[in-house]
Protein backbone atom coordinates (compact mmCIF):
# COMPACT_ATOMS: atom_id res chain seq x y z
CA MET A 1 47.06 -45.38 36.25
CA SER A 2 45.98 -47.69 38.94
CA LEU A 3 47.46 -50.88 40.13
CA ALA A 4 44.51 -51.97 42.21
CA HIS A 5 46.40 -51.59 45.60
CA PRO A 6 48.90 -54.45 45.49
CA THR A 7 51.26 -54.12 48.33
CA ILE A 8 54.70 -53.81 47.45
CA LEU A 9 57.78 -54.38 49.51
CA ILE A 10 60.83 -52.02 48.83
CA VAL A 11 64.32 -53.68 49.78
CA ASP A 12 67.19 -51.07 48.93
CA ASP A 13 69.78 -49.62 51.55
CA GLU A 14 69.40 -46.07 50.21
CA ALA A 15 66.87 -44.25 51.69
CA PRO A 16 66.46 -41.75 48.86
CA ILE A 17 65.68 -44.54 46.50
CA ARG A 18 63.10 -46.38 49.06
CA GLU A 19 61.50 -42.61 49.70
CA MET A 20 61.37 -42.00 45.81
CA VAL A 21 59.72 -45.20 45.05
CA ASP A 22 57.31 -45.10 48.00
CA PHE A 23 56.23 -41.59 46.96
CA THR A 24 55.88 -42.55 43.43
CA LEU A 25 53.51 -45.58 44.18
CA SER A 26 51.71 -43.81 47.20
CA ALA A 27 50.63 -41.35 44.88
CA ASP A 28 48.69 -43.91 43.15
CA GLY A 29 47.46 -45.23 46.38
CA ILE A 30 49.71 -48.06 46.32
CA PRO A 31 50.77 -49.45 49.78
CA CYS A 32 54.39 -49.95 50.34
CA VAL A 33 56.80 -51.54 52.98
CA SER A 34 60.45 -50.51 52.97
CA ALA A 35 63.51 -52.49 54.39
CA GLY A 36 67.05 -51.02 54.44
CA SER A 37 68.67 -54.19 54.98
CA ILE A 38 68.12 -58.18 54.06
CA ALA A 39 67.38 -58.39 57.81
CA GLU A 40 64.87 -55.95 57.73
CA ALA A 41 63.11 -57.47 54.49
CA TRP A 42 62.65 -61.02 56.26
CA GLN A 43 61.14 -59.06 59.09
CA CYS A 44 58.53 -57.69 56.70
CA LEU A 45 58.17 -60.84 55.22
CA ASP A 46 57.33 -62.29 58.70
CA GLU A 47 54.98 -59.85 59.34
CA GLY A 48 52.82 -60.48 56.10
CA SER A 49 53.62 -61.29 52.10
CA PRO A 50 53.69 -58.64 49.71
CA ASP A 51 52.41 -58.91 46.20
CA LEU A 52 55.83 -58.01 44.65
CA ILE A 53 59.30 -57.30 45.65
CA LEU A 54 61.42 -54.46 44.47
CA LEU A 55 64.93 -55.75 45.58
CA ASP A 56 68.28 -53.90 45.20
CA TRP A 57 71.46 -56.02 44.01
CA MET A 58 73.98 -54.17 46.36
CA MET A 59 72.84 -54.72 49.94
CA PRO A 60 74.79 -54.49 53.31
CA GLY A 61 75.33 -57.07 55.65
CA GLY A 62 77.14 -59.94 53.49
CA GLN A 63 74.04 -60.88 51.86
CA SER A 64 73.30 -59.51 48.33
CA GLY A 65 69.77 -58.88 46.83
CA LEU A 66 70.82 -61.54 44.55
CA ASP A 67 71.59 -63.98 46.91
CA PHE A 68 68.40 -63.15 48.94
CA ALA A 69 66.38 -63.73 45.70
CA LYS A 70 68.10 -67.16 45.38
CA THR A 71 66.92 -67.85 49.02
CA LEU A 72 63.54 -66.88 48.43
CA ARG A 73 63.17 -68.95 45.32
CA ALA A 74 64.84 -72.11 47.10
CA GLY A 75 61.29 -72.70 48.82
CA GLY A 76 59.08 -71.75 51.70
CA ARG A 77 55.82 -69.48 51.73
CA HIS A 78 57.35 -66.82 49.99
CA SER A 79 58.88 -68.44 47.09
CA GLU A 80 56.08 -67.48 44.74
CA ILE A 81 56.51 -63.72 45.17
CA PRO A 82 57.26 -61.88 42.13
CA ILE A 83 60.70 -60.14 42.40
CA ILE A 84 61.83 -56.89 40.39
CA MET A 85 65.51 -56.64 40.82
CA LEU A 86 66.61 -52.45 41.05
CA THR A 87 70.24 -52.11 40.31
CA ALA A 88 72.58 -49.80 38.66
CA ARG A 89 74.22 -52.53 36.90
CA SER A 90 73.24 -52.90 33.10
CA ASP A 91 75.49 -55.55 31.58
CA ASN A 92 73.77 -58.30 29.77
CA VAL A 93 75.71 -60.84 31.90
CA ASP A 94 74.19 -59.37 35.06
CA LYS A 95 70.78 -59.14 33.74
CA VAL A 96 71.13 -62.80 33.09
CA SER A 97 72.27 -63.64 36.57
CA ALA A 98 69.35 -61.69 37.96
CA LEU A 99 66.84 -63.69 35.89
CA ASP A 100 68.54 -66.82 37.12
CA ALA A 101 68.34 -66.13 40.50
CA GLY A 102 64.68 -66.04 40.32
CA ALA A 103 64.21 -62.23 39.36
CA ASP A 104 61.09 -61.84 37.37
CA ASP A 105 62.33 -58.43 35.61
CA PHE A 106 65.38 -56.48 35.72
CA ILE A 107 65.43 -52.51 36.18
CA SER A 108 68.72 -50.44 35.77
CA LYS A 109 69.01 -47.15 37.90
CA PRO A 110 68.26 -44.58 37.14
CA PHE A 111 64.76 -45.43 36.07
CA SER A 112 61.61 -43.24 35.48
CA PRO A 113 58.48 -43.49 37.67
CA SER A 114 56.47 -44.59 34.55
CA GLU A 115 58.87 -47.17 33.51
CA LEU A 116 58.71 -48.74 37.20
CA LYS A 117 54.81 -48.68 37.31
CA ALA A 118 54.48 -50.48 33.82
CA ARG A 119 57.01 -53.09 34.90
CA ILE A 120 55.10 -53.57 37.87
CA ARG A 121 51.92 -53.78 36.07
CA ALA A 122 53.40 -56.27 33.51
CA VAL A 123 54.83 -58.53 36.27
CA LEU A 124 51.94 -58.64 38.22
CA ARG A 125 49.85 -59.80 35.15
CA ARG A 126 52.34 -62.38 34.08
CA CYS A 127 52.64 -63.54 37.78
CA GLY A 128 48.82 -63.80 38.48
CA GLY A 129 49.01 -61.03 41.12
CA PRO A 130 46.16 -58.68 42.32
CA ASP A 131 43.98 -57.21 39.11
CA THR A 132 46.18 -54.43 37.63
CA THR A 133 43.75 -53.45 35.05
CA GLY A 134 42.20 -50.66 37.18
CA CYS A 135 38.78 -52.53 37.38
CA ASP A 136 36.29 -50.01 38.86
CA LYS A 137 34.03 -52.92 39.82
CA ILE A 138 34.94 -56.09 42.07
CA GLU A 139 32.22 -59.01 42.71
CA ILE A 140 32.91 -61.90 45.06
CA ASP A 141 29.95 -64.41 45.95
CA GLY A 142 27.10 -61.83 44.95
CA LEU A 143 28.92 -59.06 46.98
CA CYS A 144 29.62 -56.29 44.50
CA LEU A 145 31.80 -53.12 45.09
CA GLN A 146 31.95 -50.24 42.91
CA VAL A 147 34.67 -47.65 43.39
CA SER A 148 33.70 -44.83 41.01
CA THR A 149 30.09 -44.71 42.50
CA ARG A 150 31.23 -45.89 45.86
CA ARG A 151 28.15 -48.44 46.20
CA VAL A 152 28.06 -51.62 47.54
CA ASN A 153 25.24 -54.07 47.02
CA VAL A 154 24.28 -57.81 47.34
CA ASP A 155 22.01 -58.96 44.26
CA GLY A 156 21.40 -55.31 43.69
CA GLU A 157 20.46 -54.47 46.98
CA LEU A 158 22.30 -51.43 48.38
CA ILE A 159 24.34 -51.76 51.48
CA ASP A 160 24.93 -48.62 53.56
CA LEU A 161 28.72 -48.10 54.66
CA GLY A 162 30.65 -45.44 56.23
CA PRO A 163 33.53 -44.11 54.47
CA THR A 164 36.12 -46.09 56.31
CA GLU A 165 34.23 -49.30 56.25
CA PHE A 166 34.03 -48.76 52.29
CA ARG A 167 37.77 -48.68 52.27
CA LEU A 168 38.35 -51.47 54.43
CA LEU A 169 35.86 -53.84 52.13
CA HIS A 170 37.57 -52.39 48.97
CA PHE A 171 41.06 -53.62 50.48
CA PHE A 172 39.74 -56.77 51.50
CA MET A 173 37.87 -57.73 48.18
CA GLN A 174 41.37 -56.67 46.29
CA HIS A 175 43.14 -59.31 48.39
CA PRO A 176 40.84 -62.06 49.22
CA GLU A 177 42.25 -65.02 51.41
CA ARG A 178 44.99 -63.00 52.81
CA VAL A 179 45.53 -62.33 56.18
CA TYR A 180 46.22 -58.81 57.66
CA SER A 181 47.16 -57.61 61.19
CA ARG A 182 45.57 -54.70 62.72
CA GLY A 183 48.95 -52.75 62.00
CA GLU A 184 48.92 -53.84 58.27
CA LEU A 185 45.20 -52.59 57.84
CA ILE A 186 46.33 -49.05 59.40
CA ARG A 187 48.94 -48.65 57.13
CA TYR A 188 47.16 -49.68 53.85
CA VAL A 189 43.56 -48.36 54.60
CA TRP A 190 44.05 -45.33 56.74
CA PRO A 191 45.38 -41.97 55.50
CA PRO A 192 49.17 -41.62 56.07
CA ASN A 193 50.50 -39.64 58.99
CA VAL A 194 47.19 -40.15 61.10
CA TYR A 195 47.62 -41.83 64.14
CA VAL A 196 45.05 -44.89 64.67
CA GLU A 197 45.13 -47.37 67.59
CA GLU A 198 44.65 -50.91 66.80
CA ARG A 199 41.47 -51.42 68.75
CA THR A 200 39.94 -48.75 66.17
CA VAL A 201 40.36 -51.35 63.50
CA ASP A 202 38.23 -53.59 65.60
CA VAL A 203 35.40 -51.01 65.98
CA HIS A 204 35.24 -50.78 61.94
CA ILE A 205 35.69 -54.30 61.24
CA ARG A 206 32.54 -54.62 63.73
CA ASN A 207 30.63 -52.03 61.77
CA LEU A 208 31.39 -53.62 58.75
CA ARG A 209 30.41 -57.08 59.62
CA LEU A 210 26.91 -55.51 61.04
CA ALA A 211 26.27 -53.84 57.78
CA LEU A 212 27.01 -57.17 56.02
CA GLU A 213 25.09 -59.23 58.39
CA PRO A 214 21.39 -58.73 56.75
CA PHE A 215 22.97 -59.74 53.78
CA ALA A 216 24.44 -63.03 54.87
CA ARG A 217 27.78 -61.71 54.10
CA ARG A 218 28.82 -61.29 57.94
CA GLY A 219 31.01 -64.27 57.74
CA MET A 220 33.00 -62.94 54.68
CA ILE A 221 35.12 -60.87 57.14
CA GLN A 222 36.97 -63.74 59.08
CA THR A 223 39.12 -63.34 62.44
CA VAL A 224 42.39 -65.25 62.30
CA ARG A 225 43.50 -65.87 65.84
CA SER A 226 46.57 -64.19 66.93
CA ALA A 227 47.06 -62.99 63.28
CA GLY A 228 44.48 -60.41 62.19
CA TYR A 229 41.63 -60.39 59.59
CA ARG A 230 41.09 -61.80 56.26
CA PHE A 231 38.13 -61.54 53.84
CA SER A 232 36.97 -64.95 52.36
CA SER A 233 33.76 -66.24 50.52
CA ARG A 234 34.72 -69.98 51.84
């Protein structure tokens, strides 16, 4: 099962739940960011918009997950992010309250990993999120990447890429127009538990641009000052 690497924000005050969900999704190559409080969740949102939020109902600090969802839906640049509520509550009244607050779906604890991934797929499909079909091929403005063969070409002409440059391009093409900081790229593209300096990201970005340059695609990897990088065909 592949979700084509959407970015998931897990907001839950229980560390075992966050770790279990992170482990479950990471096993499928899905990058996750965790927050143990609403304050941490806002900090994560300040650093980058996820494709979906898994949000626990009961949170410490005076603001519940329900309140957080209502605040998000009230407006702002994060108001369209899909939300799935995770909660031990199972009454229909609670489900209605969650949906009325702006949640797109509701999962009662305990839940199975397969149910969680199925609901993430369904919500992302409904909300027009990243491709959840497990598509093997991505093509944007003549630049074509195929996962199974690990080949990249422009109008049929192959581009020689190193493994890290391939992973970078694959991630970028799955999230066009979105800005990622160097730290986020390290977290999402490089293997876990591997120390990578931020300047290493710049080196691989430069290598990727050099590989794309002969095919007039160098400009698709754009620098956003004081923010990071984005992939764009504009």
